């Protein structure tokens, strides 16, 4: 994982736990064959691709509310 991408992504998603979860979920999607949302002239790892997508605003996240969690537990 490139340090410069990680630093830039941390400015977009400041909570490190949320950043890890977003990157992890996107890496799984990319490894299953989903197409990258960013173009690169160099060959990037799935992790770096996910970080670039976050940096460029191509993917976002939404935190679950207490109501969402309660509904999921039913």
N, C-alpha and C. Protein backbone atom coordinates (compact mmCIF):
# COMPACT_ATOMS: atom_id res chain seq x y z
N UNK A 1 0.85 -1.17 0.00
CA UNK A 1 0.00 0.00 0.00
C UNK A 1 0.89 1.24 0.00
N UNK A 2 0.58 2.14 -0.92
CA UNK A 2 1.41 3.34 -1.02
C UNK A 2 1.06 4.33 0.09
N UNK A 3 2.12 4.82 0.75
CA UNK A 3 1.94 5.75 1.87
C UNK A 3 1.27 7.05 1.44
N UNK A 4 1.60 7.54 0.24
CA UNK A 4 1.00 8.80 -0.21
C UNK A 4 -0.50 8.63 -0.45
N UNK A 5 -0.94 7.49 -0.96
CA UNK A 5 -2.37 7.24 -1.15
C UNK A 5 -3.06 7.12 0.20
N UNK A 6 -2.42 6.42 1.12
CA UNK A 6 -3.01 6.25 2.45
C UNK A 6 -3.18 7.59 3.15
N UNK A 7 -2.17 8.44 3.08
CA UNK A 7 -2.25 9.76 3.72
C UNK A 7 -3.36 10.60 3.11
N UNK A 8 -3.48 10.56 1.79
CA UNK A 8 -4.53 11.35 1.12
C UNK A 8 -5.91 10.80 1.44
N UNK A 9 -6.05 9.48 1.52
CA UNK A 9 -7.35 8.87 1.84
C UNK A 9 -7.76 9.19 3.27
N UNK A 10 -6.79 9.31 4.17
CA UNK A 10 -7.09 9.65 5.56
C UNK A 10 -7.63 11.07 5.69
N UNK A 11 -7.37 11.90 4.74
CA UNK A 11 -7.93 13.25 4.76
C UNK A 11 -9.40 13.24 4.33
N UNK A 12 -9.78 12.23 3.55
CA UNK A 12 -11.16 12.09 3.10
C UNK A 12 -12.00 11.36 4.14
N UNK A 13 -11.48 10.25 4.65
CA UNK A 13 -12.14 9.46 5.70
C UNK A 13 -11.22 9.49 6.91
N UNK A 14 -11.53 10.34 7.85
CA UNK A 14 -10.61 10.60 8.96
C UNK A 14 -10.56 9.47 10.00
N UNK A 15 -11.66 8.76 10.20
CA UNK A 15 -11.69 7.68 11.18
C UNK A 15 -10.97 6.47 10.60
N UNK A 16 -9.84 6.05 11.22
CA UNK A 16 -9.07 4.94 10.66
C UNK A 16 -9.85 3.62 10.58
N UNK A 17 -10.73 3.38 11.53
CA UNK A 17 -11.53 2.15 11.51
C UNK A 17 -12.49 2.13 10.32
N UNK A 18 -13.10 3.26 10.06
CA UNK A 18 -14.02 3.36 8.92
C UNK A 18 -13.22 3.22 7.62
N UNK A 19 -12.07 3.86 7.54
CA UNK A 19 -11.24 3.77 6.34
C UNK A 19 -10.85 2.32 6.06
N UNK A 20 -10.43 1.60 7.07
CA UNK A 20 -10.06 0.19 6.92
C UNK A 20 -11.24 -0.62 6.40
N UNK A 21 -12.41 -0.39 6.96
CA UNK A 21 -13.59 -1.14 6.53
C UNK A 21 -13.99 -0.82 5.09
N UNK A 22 -13.93 0.44 4.71
CA UNK A 22 -14.30 0.83 3.35
C UNK A 22 -13.30 0.23 2.35
N UNK A 23 -12.01 0.34 2.65
CA UNK A 23 -10.99 -0.20 1.76
C UNK A 23 -11.13 -1.72 1.67
N UNK A 24 -11.33 -2.37 2.79
CA UNK A 24 -11.46 -3.83 2.83
C UNK A 24 -12.63 -4.32 1.97
N UNK A 25 -13.76 -3.68 2.12
CA UNK A 25 -14.94 -4.07 1.35
C UNK A 25 -14.71 -3.85 -0.14
N UNK A 26 -14.09 -2.73 -0.50
CA UNK A 26 -13.86 -2.44 -1.91
C UNK A 26 -12.82 -3.40 -2.51
N UNK A 27 -11.79 -3.74 -1.73
CA UNK A 27 -10.77 -4.69 -2.21
C UNK A 27 -11.43 -6.03 -2.52
N UNK A 28 -12.33 -6.48 -1.66
CA UNK A 28 -13.04 -7.74 -1.92
C UNK A 28 -13.82 -7.66 -3.23
N UNK A 29 -14.48 -6.52 -3.46
CA UNK A 29 -15.23 -6.34 -4.70
C UNK A 29 -14.31 -6.38 -5.91
N UNK A 30 -13.18 -5.70 -5.82
CA UNK A 30 -12.24 -5.66 -6.94
C UNK A 30 -11.67 -7.04 -7.23
N UNK A 31 -11.36 -7.78 -6.19
CA UNK A 31 -10.79 -9.12 -6.37
C UNK A 31 -11.81 -10.11 -6.92
N UNK A 32 -13.09 -9.83 -6.72
CA UNK A 32 -14.15 -10.67 -7.30
C UNK A 32 -14.42 -10.31 -8.75
N UNK A 33 -13.77 -9.28 -9.25
CA UNK A 33 -13.90 -8.94 -10.65
C UNK A 33 -14.61 -7.64 -10.96
N UNK A 34 -15.03 -6.90 -9.95
CA UNK A 34 -15.65 -5.60 -10.22
C UNK A 34 -14.62 -4.68 -10.87
N UNK A 35 -15.08 -3.86 -11.78
CA UNK A 35 -14.21 -2.95 -12.50
C UNK A 35 -13.79 -1.77 -11.62
N UNK A 36 -12.54 -1.36 -11.77
CA UNK A 36 -12.04 -0.19 -11.04
C UNK A 36 -12.72 1.06 -11.56
N UNK A 37 -12.93 2.01 -10.67
CA UNK A 37 -13.59 3.27 -11.02
C UNK A 37 -12.60 4.37 -11.37
N UNK A 38 -11.32 4.06 -11.28
CA UNK A 38 -10.26 5.02 -11.63
C UNK A 38 -9.34 4.36 -12.64
N UNK A 39 -8.74 5.17 -13.47
CA UNK A 39 -7.77 4.68 -14.44
C UNK A 39 -6.37 5.02 -13.97
N UNK A 40 -5.44 4.14 -14.31
CA UNK A 40 -4.06 4.37 -13.92
C UNK A 40 -3.14 3.86 -15.02
N UNK A 41 -2.08 4.59 -15.27
CA UNK A 41 -1.10 4.16 -16.25
C UNK A 41 -0.21 3.06 -15.68
N UNK A 42 -0.14 3.01 -14.36
CA UNK A 42 0.67 1.97 -13.71
C UNK A 42 -0.24 0.87 -13.16
N UNK A 43 0.31 -0.30 -12.94
CA UNK A 43 -0.46 -1.41 -12.39
C UNK A 43 -0.55 -1.22 -10.87
N UNK A 44 -1.77 -0.98 -10.38
CA UNK A 44 -1.97 -0.76 -8.95
C UNK A 44 -2.53 -2.02 -8.30
N UNK A 45 -2.19 -2.22 -7.03
CA UNK A 45 -2.79 -3.31 -6.28
C UNK A 45 -4.25 -2.96 -6.01
N UNK A 46 -5.03 -3.94 -5.62
CA UNK A 46 -6.44 -3.69 -5.30
C UNK A 46 -6.55 -2.68 -4.16
N UNK A 47 -5.66 -2.75 -3.20
CA UNK A 47 -5.68 -1.81 -2.07
C UNK A 47 -5.41 -0.38 -2.54
N UNK A 48 -4.42 -0.21 -3.39
CA UNK A 48 -4.11 1.13 -3.89
C UNK A 48 -5.23 1.66 -4.78
N UNK A 49 -5.84 0.78 -5.55
CA UNK A 49 -6.97 1.19 -6.38
C UNK A 49 -8.11 1.69 -5.51
N UNK A 50 -8.42 0.95 -4.44
CA UNK A 50 -9.49 1.36 -3.52
C UNK A 50 -9.17 2.71 -2.89
N UNK A 51 -7.93 2.92 -2.49
CA UNK A 51 -7.53 4.20 -1.89
C UNK A 51 -7.69 5.33 -2.91
N UNK A 52 -7.26 5.11 -4.16
CA UNK A 52 -7.41 6.12 -5.20
C UNK A 52 -8.88 6.46 -5.44
N UNK A 53 -9.74 5.43 -5.40
CA UNK A 53 -11.17 5.67 -5.59
C UNK A 53 -11.72 6.55 -4.47
N UNK A 54 -11.26 6.34 -3.26
CA UNK A 54 -11.69 7.17 -2.12
C UNK A 54 -11.17 8.60 -2.31
N UNK A 55 -9.90 8.73 -2.64
CA UNK A 55 -9.28 10.05 -2.82
C UNK A 55 -10.01 10.86 -3.88
N UNK A 56 -10.37 10.20 -4.98
CA UNK A 56 -11.00 10.89 -6.10
C UNK A 56 -12.51 11.01 -5.95
N UNK A 57 -13.04 10.56 -4.82
CA UNK A 57 -14.48 10.71 -4.56
C UNK A 57 -15.35 9.78 -5.37
N UNK A 58 -14.80 8.69 -5.85
CA UNK A 58 -15.55 7.74 -6.67
C UNK A 58 -16.39 6.79 -5.83
N UNK A 59 -15.97 6.56 -4.58
CA UNK A 59 -16.77 5.74 -3.67
C UNK A 59 -16.94 6.49 -2.36
N UNK A 60 -18.03 6.20 -1.69
CA UNK A 60 -18.33 6.85 -0.42
C UNK A 60 -18.86 5.79 0.54
N UNK A 61 -19.24 6.22 1.70
CA UNK A 61 -19.76 5.30 2.70
C UNK A 61 -20.86 5.99 3.48
N UNK A 62 -21.64 5.20 4.16
CA UNK A 62 -22.70 5.72 5.01
C UNK A 62 -22.72 4.89 6.28
N UNK A 63 -22.62 5.54 7.42
CA UNK A 63 -22.64 4.81 8.69
C UNK A 63 -24.07 4.41 9.03
N UNK A 64 -24.22 3.23 9.58
CA UNK A 64 -25.53 2.74 9.99
C UNK A 64 -26.02 3.54 11.20
N UNK A 65 -27.32 3.80 11.23
CA UNK A 65 -27.91 4.49 12.38
C UNK A 65 -28.36 3.44 13.40
N UNK A 66 -28.74 3.87 14.57
CA UNK A 66 -29.22 2.97 15.59
C UNK A 66 -30.49 2.24 15.11
N UNK A 67 -31.34 2.95 14.36
CA UNK A 67 -32.54 2.35 13.81
C UNK A 67 -32.21 1.24 12.81
N UNK A 68 -31.19 1.50 11.98
CA UNK A 68 -30.76 0.48 11.00
C UNK A 68 -30.28 -0.77 11.72
N UNK A 69 -29.50 -0.58 12.76
CA UNK A 69 -28.97 -1.72 13.50
C UNK A 69 -30.06 -2.49 14.21
N UNK A 70 -31.04 -1.77 14.76
CA UNK A 70 -32.15 -2.42 15.45
C UNK A 70 -32.99 -3.23 14.45
N UNK A 71 -33.21 -2.68 13.27
CA UNK A 71 -34.00 -3.36 12.25
C UNK A 71 -33.29 -4.61 11.75
N UNK A 72 -31.97 -4.55 11.68
CA UNK A 72 -31.19 -5.69 11.21
C UNK A 72 -31.19 -6.84 12.23
N UNK A 73 -31.35 -6.48 13.48
CA UNK A 73 -31.35 -7.48 14.55
C UNK A 73 -32.66 -8.23 14.70
N UNK A 74 -33.70 -7.79 14.01
CA UNK A 74 -35.01 -8.43 14.12
C UNK A 74 -35.07 -9.72 13.38
